[in-house]
């Protein structure tokens, strides 16, 4: 059996009545319904937080050490590969623009930095 602890919370009476209504509808105790709902909510929120840390790591906004400290796990090989690809994307884009300029495909930039390309 999993170790438990008691958790007390003060709620509005109207909310308690609504909780009792829902619990009766599902034919379970109010306490069991609340345990289920809290567990589900915490699980979803934890997954959202970890997903956010994964996005931040892949996007290069946090280090591998920070990721491990915040999540308790190491980044996967797939995450490391995605991070490497993301960090190369801006460089590849800039290099492609420079190549187009050298080849004469781009003729100018306007005031809002829009590229004008010659049609082949």
N, C-alpha and C. Protein backbone atom coordinates (compact mmCIF):
# COMPACT_ATOMS: atom_id res chain seq x y z
N UNK A 1 0.85 -1.19 0.00
CA UNK A 1 0.00 0.00 0.00
C UNK A 1 0.89 1.25 0.00
N UNK A 2 0.51 2.21 -0.78
CA UNK A 2 1.26 3.46 -0.90
C UNK A 2 1.12 4.29 0.37
N UNK A 3 2.22 4.91 0.78
CA UNK A 3 2.18 5.76 1.97
C UNK A 3 1.33 6.99 1.67
N UNK A 4 0.53 7.40 2.63
CA UNK A 4 -0.35 8.54 2.44
C UNK A 4 -0.19 9.53 3.58
N UNK A 5 -0.71 10.70 3.38
CA UNK A 5 -0.77 11.74 4.41
C UNK A 5 -2.10 12.46 4.26
N UNK A 6 -2.56 13.04 5.34
CA UNK A 6 -3.83 13.76 5.29
C UNK A 6 -3.59 15.18 4.81
N UNK A 7 -4.54 15.66 4.02
CA UNK A 7 -4.47 17.00 3.44
C UNK A 7 -5.81 17.68 3.69
N UNK A 8 -5.79 18.73 4.47
CA UNK A 8 -7.05 19.43 4.79
C UNK A 8 -7.13 20.73 3.99
N UNK A 9 -8.33 21.02 3.54
CA UNK A 9 -8.54 22.23 2.76
C UNK A 9 -9.93 22.79 3.08
N UNK A 10 -10.00 24.09 3.20
CA UNK A 10 -11.28 24.75 3.48
C UNK A 10 -11.92 25.12 2.15
N UNK A 11 -13.17 24.67 1.95
CA UNK A 11 -13.89 24.93 0.71
C UNK A 11 -15.23 25.59 0.99
N UNK A 12 -15.71 26.32 0.03
CA UNK A 12 -17.04 26.93 0.14
C UNK A 12 -18.10 25.84 0.18
N UNK A 13 -19.15 26.07 0.94
CA UNK A 13 -20.22 25.07 1.07
C UNK A 13 -20.86 24.76 -0.28
N UNK A 14 -21.02 25.78 -1.09
CA UNK A 14 -21.63 25.57 -2.41
C UNK A 14 -20.79 24.60 -3.24
N UNK A 15 -19.49 24.72 -3.15
CA UNK A 15 -18.60 23.82 -3.88
C UNK A 15 -18.72 22.40 -3.34
N UNK A 16 -18.82 22.27 -2.02
CA UNK A 16 -18.99 20.93 -1.43
C UNK A 16 -20.30 20.28 -1.89
N UNK A 17 -21.37 21.06 -1.96
CA UNK A 17 -22.64 20.53 -2.44
C UNK A 17 -22.51 20.06 -3.90
N UNK A 18 -21.84 20.86 -4.71
CA UNK A 18 -21.64 20.48 -6.11
C UNK A 18 -20.78 19.22 -6.22
N UNK A 19 -19.76 19.13 -5.40
CA UNK A 19 -18.91 17.93 -5.39
C UNK A 19 -19.72 16.70 -5.01
N UNK A 20 -20.57 16.85 -4.03
CA UNK A 20 -21.42 15.73 -3.59
C UNK A 20 -22.37 15.32 -4.72
N UNK A 21 -22.91 16.29 -5.43
CA UNK A 21 -23.80 16.01 -6.56
C UNK A 21 -23.07 15.17 -7.62
N UNK A 22 -21.86 15.61 -7.96
CA UNK A 22 -21.07 14.90 -8.97
C UNK A 22 -20.73 13.49 -8.49
N UNK A 23 -20.29 13.37 -7.24
CA UNK A 23 -19.92 12.07 -6.69
C UNK A 23 -21.11 11.11 -6.69
N UNK A 24 -22.28 11.61 -6.34
CA UNK A 24 -23.47 10.77 -6.35
C UNK A 24 -23.82 10.31 -7.77
N UNK A 25 -23.63 11.22 -8.71
CA UNK A 25 -23.88 10.88 -10.12
C UNK A 25 -23.02 9.70 -10.55
N UNK A 26 -21.75 9.71 -10.16
CA UNK A 26 -20.83 8.63 -10.52
C UNK A 26 -20.88 7.44 -9.57
N UNK A 27 -21.70 7.59 -8.53
CA UNK A 27 -21.88 6.53 -7.54
C UNK A 27 -20.56 6.13 -6.85
N UNK A 28 -19.79 7.16 -6.48
CA UNK A 28 -18.57 6.96 -5.70
C UNK A 28 -18.57 7.99 -4.58
N UNK A 29 -17.69 7.81 -3.62
CA UNK A 29 -17.63 8.78 -2.53
C UNK A 29 -17.00 10.08 -3.03
N UNK A 30 -17.35 11.15 -2.36
CA UNK A 30 -16.81 12.47 -2.70
C UNK A 30 -15.29 12.45 -2.56
N UNK A 31 -14.79 11.80 -1.54
CA UNK A 31 -13.35 11.72 -1.31
C UNK A 31 -12.65 10.97 -2.43
N UNK A 32 -13.19 9.83 -2.84
CA UNK A 32 -12.58 9.07 -3.93
C UNK A 32 -12.61 9.86 -5.23
N UNK A 33 -13.72 10.54 -5.49
CA UNK A 33 -13.80 11.35 -6.70
C UNK A 33 -12.75 12.46 -6.68
N UNK A 34 -12.59 13.11 -5.53
CA UNK A 34 -11.59 14.18 -5.41
C UNK A 34 -10.17 13.63 -5.58
N UNK A 35 -9.87 12.48 -5.00
CA UNK A 35 -8.54 11.87 -5.15
C UNK A 35 -8.25 11.61 -6.63
N UNK A 36 -9.22 11.06 -7.32
CA UNK A 36 -9.05 10.77 -8.74
C UNK A 36 -8.81 12.05 -9.53
N UNK A 37 -9.64 13.06 -9.29
CA UNK A 37 -9.53 14.31 -10.05
C UNK A 37 -8.22 15.04 -9.75
N UNK A 38 -7.81 15.07 -8.49
CA UNK A 38 -6.55 15.72 -8.13
C UNK A 38 -5.38 14.99 -8.78
N UNK A 39 -5.37 13.66 -8.70
CA UNK A 39 -4.30 12.88 -9.31
C UNK A 39 -4.22 13.14 -10.81
N UNK A 40 -5.37 13.18 -11.48
CA UNK A 40 -5.41 13.42 -12.91
C UNK A 40 -4.91 14.84 -13.25
N UNK A 41 -5.34 15.81 -12.48
CA UNK A 41 -4.91 17.19 -12.70
C UNK A 41 -3.40 17.35 -12.50
N UNK A 42 -2.88 16.77 -11.44
CA UNK A 42 -1.44 16.87 -11.15
C UNK A 42 -0.64 16.17 -12.25
N UNK A 43 -1.10 15.01 -12.71
CA UNK A 43 -0.42 14.28 -13.77
C UNK A 43 -0.36 15.12 -15.05
N UNK A 44 -1.47 15.74 -15.42
CA UNK A 44 -1.51 16.58 -16.62
C UNK A 44 -0.60 17.80 -16.49
N UNK A 45 -0.63 18.44 -15.33
CA UNK A 45 0.19 19.64 -15.12
C UNK A 45 1.67 19.29 -15.13
N UNK A 46 2.02 18.17 -14.51
CA UNK A 46 3.43 17.74 -14.50
C UNK A 46 3.89 17.46 -15.93
N UNK A 47 3.07 16.79 -16.73
CA UNK A 47 3.42 16.52 -18.13
C UNK A 47 3.58 17.81 -18.91
N UNK A 48 2.72 18.79 -18.66
CA UNK A 48 2.83 20.09 -19.35
C UNK A 48 4.14 20.78 -18.99
N UNK A 49 4.50 20.73 -17.72
CA UNK A 49 5.74 21.37 -17.27
C UNK A 49 6.96 20.69 -17.90
N UNK A 50 6.96 19.36 -17.90
CA UNK A 50 8.08 18.63 -18.51
C UNK A 50 8.15 18.90 -20.00
N UNK A 51 7.00 18.95 -20.68
CA UNK A 51 6.99 19.30 -22.11
C UNK A 51 7.60 20.68 -22.33
N UNK A 52 7.28 21.62 -21.46
CA UNK A 52 7.84 22.97 -21.57
C UNK A 52 9.35 22.93 -21.39
N UNK A 53 9.84 22.18 -20.41
CA UNK A 53 11.29 22.04 -20.23
C UNK A 53 11.93 21.39 -21.45
N UNK A 54 11.26 20.40 -22.05
CA UNK A 54 11.79 19.77 -23.26
C UNK A 54 11.90 20.77 -24.40
N UNK A 55 10.85 21.56 -24.61
CA UNK A 55 10.88 22.59 -25.67
C UNK A 55 12.00 23.59 -25.42
N UNK A 56 12.15 24.00 -24.16
CA UNK A 56 13.21 24.97 -23.83
C UNK A 56 14.59 24.37 -24.06
N UNK A 57 14.77 23.09 -23.75
CA UNK A 57 16.07 22.44 -23.97
C UNK A 57 16.33 22.32 -25.47
N UNK A 58 15.35 21.81 -26.21
CA UNK A 58 15.53 21.62 -27.66
C UNK A 58 15.79 22.96 -28.34
N UNK A 59 15.12 24.02 -27.89
CA UNK A 59 15.31 25.34 -28.47
C UNK A 59 16.59 26.03 -28.05
N UNK A 60 17.37 25.39 -27.18
CA UNK A 60 18.67 25.96 -26.76
C UNK A 60 18.56 26.99 -25.65
N UNK A 61 17.42 27.04 -24.97
CA UNK A 61 17.24 28.05 -23.91
C UNK A 61 17.71 27.56 -22.55
N UNK A 62 17.93 26.24 -22.40
CA UNK A 62 18.46 25.70 -21.15
C UNK A 62 19.55 24.68 -21.48
N UNK A 63 20.44 24.46 -20.54
CA UNK A 63 21.52 23.50 -20.73
C UNK A 63 21.05 22.10 -20.33
N UNK A 64 21.87 21.12 -20.66
CA UNK A 64 21.57 19.74 -20.27
C UNK A 64 21.52 19.62 -18.75
N UNK A 65 22.41 20.31 -18.06
CA UNK A 65 22.44 20.26 -16.60
C UNK A 65 21.17 20.88 -16.00
N UNK A 66 20.75 22.02 -16.54
CA UNK A 66 19.52 22.66 -16.05
C UNK A 66 18.32 21.77 -16.29
N UNK A 67 18.27 21.12 -17.47
CA UNK A 67 17.16 20.23 -17.78
C UNK A 67 17.09 19.10 -16.77
N UNK A 68 18.24 18.48 -16.50
CA UNK A 68 18.26 17.36 -15.55
C UNK A 68 17.88 17.82 -14.15
N UNK A 69 18.35 18.99 -13.76
CA UNK A 69 18.04 19.52 -12.43
C UNK A 69 16.53 19.76 -12.27
N UNK A 70 15.89 20.28 -13.32
CA UNK A 70 14.48 20.62 -13.24
C UNK A 70 13.55 19.41 -13.39
N UNK A 71 13.98 18.42 -14.20
CA UNK A 71 13.08 17.29 -14.48
C UNK A 71 13.47 16.01 -13.76
N UNK A 72 14.73 15.91 -13.35
CA UNK A 72 15.20 14.69 -12.71
C UNK A 72 15.60 13.61 -13.69
N UNK A 73 15.57 13.91 -14.98
CA UNK A 73 15.96 12.93 -16.00
C UNK A 73 16.92 13.59 -16.98
N UNK A 74 17.70 12.77 -17.66
CA UNK A 74 18.60 13.27 -18.70
C UNK A 74 17.84 13.47 -20.00
N UNK A 75 18.25 14.45 -20.82
CA UNK A 75 17.63 14.59 -22.14
C UNK A 75 17.88 13.31 -22.96
N UNK A 76 16.90 12.91 -23.74
CA UNK A 76 17.04 11.72 -24.57
C UNK A 76 17.95 12.02 -25.76
N UNK A 77 18.41 10.98 -26.41
CA UNK A 77 19.23 11.16 -27.61
C UNK A 77 18.45 11.90 -28.69
N UNK A 78 17.15 11.58 -28.79
CA UNK A 78 16.30 12.26 -29.78
C UNK A 78 16.24 13.77 -29.50
N UNK A 79 16.11 14.14 -28.22
CA UNK A 79 16.07 15.56 -27.86
C UNK A 79 17.40 16.23 -28.20
N UNK A 80 18.50 15.55 -27.96
CA UNK A 80 19.82 16.11 -28.28
C UNK A 80 19.98 16.31 -29.77
N UNK A 81 19.47 15.36 -30.55
CA UNK A 81 19.54 15.47 -32.01
C UNK A 81 18.68 16.64 -32.50
N UNK A 82 17.47 16.75 -31.96
CA UNK A 82 16.60 17.88 -32.34
C UNK A 82 17.25 19.21 -31.97
N UNK A 83 17.88 19.27 -30.81
CA UNK A 83 18.55 20.49 -30.38
C UNK A 83 19.66 20.87 -31.36
N UNK A 84 20.44 19.88 -31.79
CA UNK A 84 21.51 20.15 -32.75
C UNK A 84 20.95 20.66 -34.07
N UNK A 85 19.84 20.08 -34.53
CA UNK A 85 19.22 20.52 -35.78
C UNK A 85 18.67 21.94 -35.66
N UNK A 86 18.05 22.25 -34.52
CA UNK A 86 17.47 23.59 -34.32
C UNK A 86 18.58 24.64 -34.30
N UNK A 87 19.69 24.32 -33.66
CA UNK A 87 20.76 25.32 -33.57
C UNK A 87 21.42 25.56 -34.93
N UNK A 88 21.32 24.60 -35.85
CA UNK A 88 21.90 24.76 -37.18
C UNK A 88 20.98 25.51 -38.14
N UNK A 89 19.69 25.53 -37.87
CA UNK A 89 18.72 26.11 -38.80
C UNK A 89 19.00 27.58 -39.13
N UNK A 90 19.21 28.47 -38.14
CA UNK A 90 19.47 29.87 -38.50
C UNK A 90 20.74 30.03 -39.33
N UNK A 91 21.77 29.29 -39.00
CA UNK A 91 23.03 29.36 -39.75
C UNK A 91 22.80 28.93 -41.20
N UNK A 92 22.06 27.83 -41.40
CA UNK A 92 21.79 27.35 -42.76
C UNK A 92 20.99 28.38 -43.54
N UNK A 93 20.03 29.03 -42.90
CA UNK A 93 19.21 30.03 -43.58
C UNK A 93 20.07 31.22 -44.01
N UNK A 94 20.90 31.70 -43.12
CA UNK A 94 21.78 32.84 -43.44
C UNK A 94 22.74 32.47 -44.56
N UNK A 95 23.30 31.26 -44.49
CA UNK A 95 24.24 30.84 -45.53
C UNK A 95 23.53 30.73 -46.88
N UNK A 96 22.27 30.28 -46.89
CA UNK A 96 21.54 30.17 -48.16
C UNK A 96 21.29 31.56 -48.75
N UNK A 97 21.03 32.54 -47.91
CA UNK A 97 20.83 33.91 -48.40
C UNK A 97 22.13 34.45 -48.98
N UNK A 98 23.24 34.21 -48.29
CA UNK A 98 24.54 34.67 -48.80
C UNK A 98 24.87 34.02 -50.14
N UNK A 99 24.57 32.73 -50.28
CA UNK A 99 24.80 32.04 -51.55
C UNK A 99 23.95 32.65 -52.66
N UNK A 100 22.67 32.96 -52.33
CA UNK A 100 21.79 33.57 -53.33
C UNK A 100 22.30 34.95 -53.75
N UNK A 101 22.84 35.70 -52.80
CA UNK A 101 23.39 37.02 -53.12
C UNK A 101 24.59 36.86 -54.05
N UNK A 102 25.46 35.91 -53.74
CA UNK A 102 26.64 35.66 -54.58
C UNK A 102 26.24 35.27 -56.00
N UNK A 103 25.17 34.51 -56.11
CA UNK A 103 24.72 34.04 -57.42
C UNK A 103 23.89 35.10 -58.15
N UNK A 104 23.61 36.21 -57.48
CA UNK A 104 22.84 37.28 -58.10
C UNK A 104 21.34 37.03 -58.09
N UNK A 105 20.87 36.09 -57.30
CA UNK A 105 19.44 35.80 -57.26
C UNK A 105 18.69 36.82 -56.40
N UNK A 106 19.37 37.40 -55.44
CA UNK A 106 18.73 38.41 -54.59
C UNK A 106 19.27 39.76 -55.03
N UNK A 107 18.36 40.67 -55.34
CA UNK A 107 18.80 41.94 -55.88
C UNK A 107 18.81 43.06 -54.85
N UNK A 108 17.95 43.00 -53.79
CA UNK A 108 17.98 44.05 -52.78
C UNK A 108 17.09 43.67 -51.59
N UNK A 109 17.26 44.45 -50.54
CA UNK A 109 16.38 44.40 -49.38
C UNK A 109 15.60 45.70 -49.37
N UNK A 110 14.32 45.67 -48.96
CA UNK A 110 13.61 46.93 -48.82
C UNK A 110 13.67 47.37 -47.35
N UNK A 111 12.95 48.43 -46.98
CA UNK A 111 13.04 48.99 -45.64
C UNK A 111 12.61 48.04 -44.53
N UNK A 112 11.69 47.13 -44.81
CA UNK A 112 11.29 46.19 -43.76
C UNK A 112 12.01 44.84 -43.90
N UNK A 113 13.19 44.88 -44.56
CA UNK A 113 14.07 43.72 -44.71
C UNK A 113 13.45 42.57 -45.49
N UNK A 114 12.52 42.87 -46.36
CA UNK A 114 11.97 41.84 -47.23
C UNK A 114 12.96 41.61 -48.37
N UNK A 115 13.23 40.36 -48.65
CA UNK A 115 14.14 40.03 -49.75
C UNK A 115 13.37 40.05 -51.06
N UNK A 116 13.97 40.65 -52.08
CA UNK A 116 13.41 40.58 -53.42
C UNK A 116 14.29 39.67 -54.22
N UNK A 117 13.70 38.62 -54.76
CA UNK A 117 14.48 37.66 -55.53
C UNK A 117 14.13 37.77 -57.00
N UNK A 118 15.14 37.61 -57.85
CA UNK A 118 14.90 37.59 -59.27
C UNK A 118 14.23 36.28 -59.64
N UNK A 119 13.37 36.33 -60.60
CA UNK A 119 12.74 35.11 -61.10
C UNK A 119 13.65 34.47 -62.13
N UNK A 120 13.79 33.17 -62.04
CA UNK A 120 14.63 32.44 -63.02
C UNK A 120 13.84 32.08 -64.25
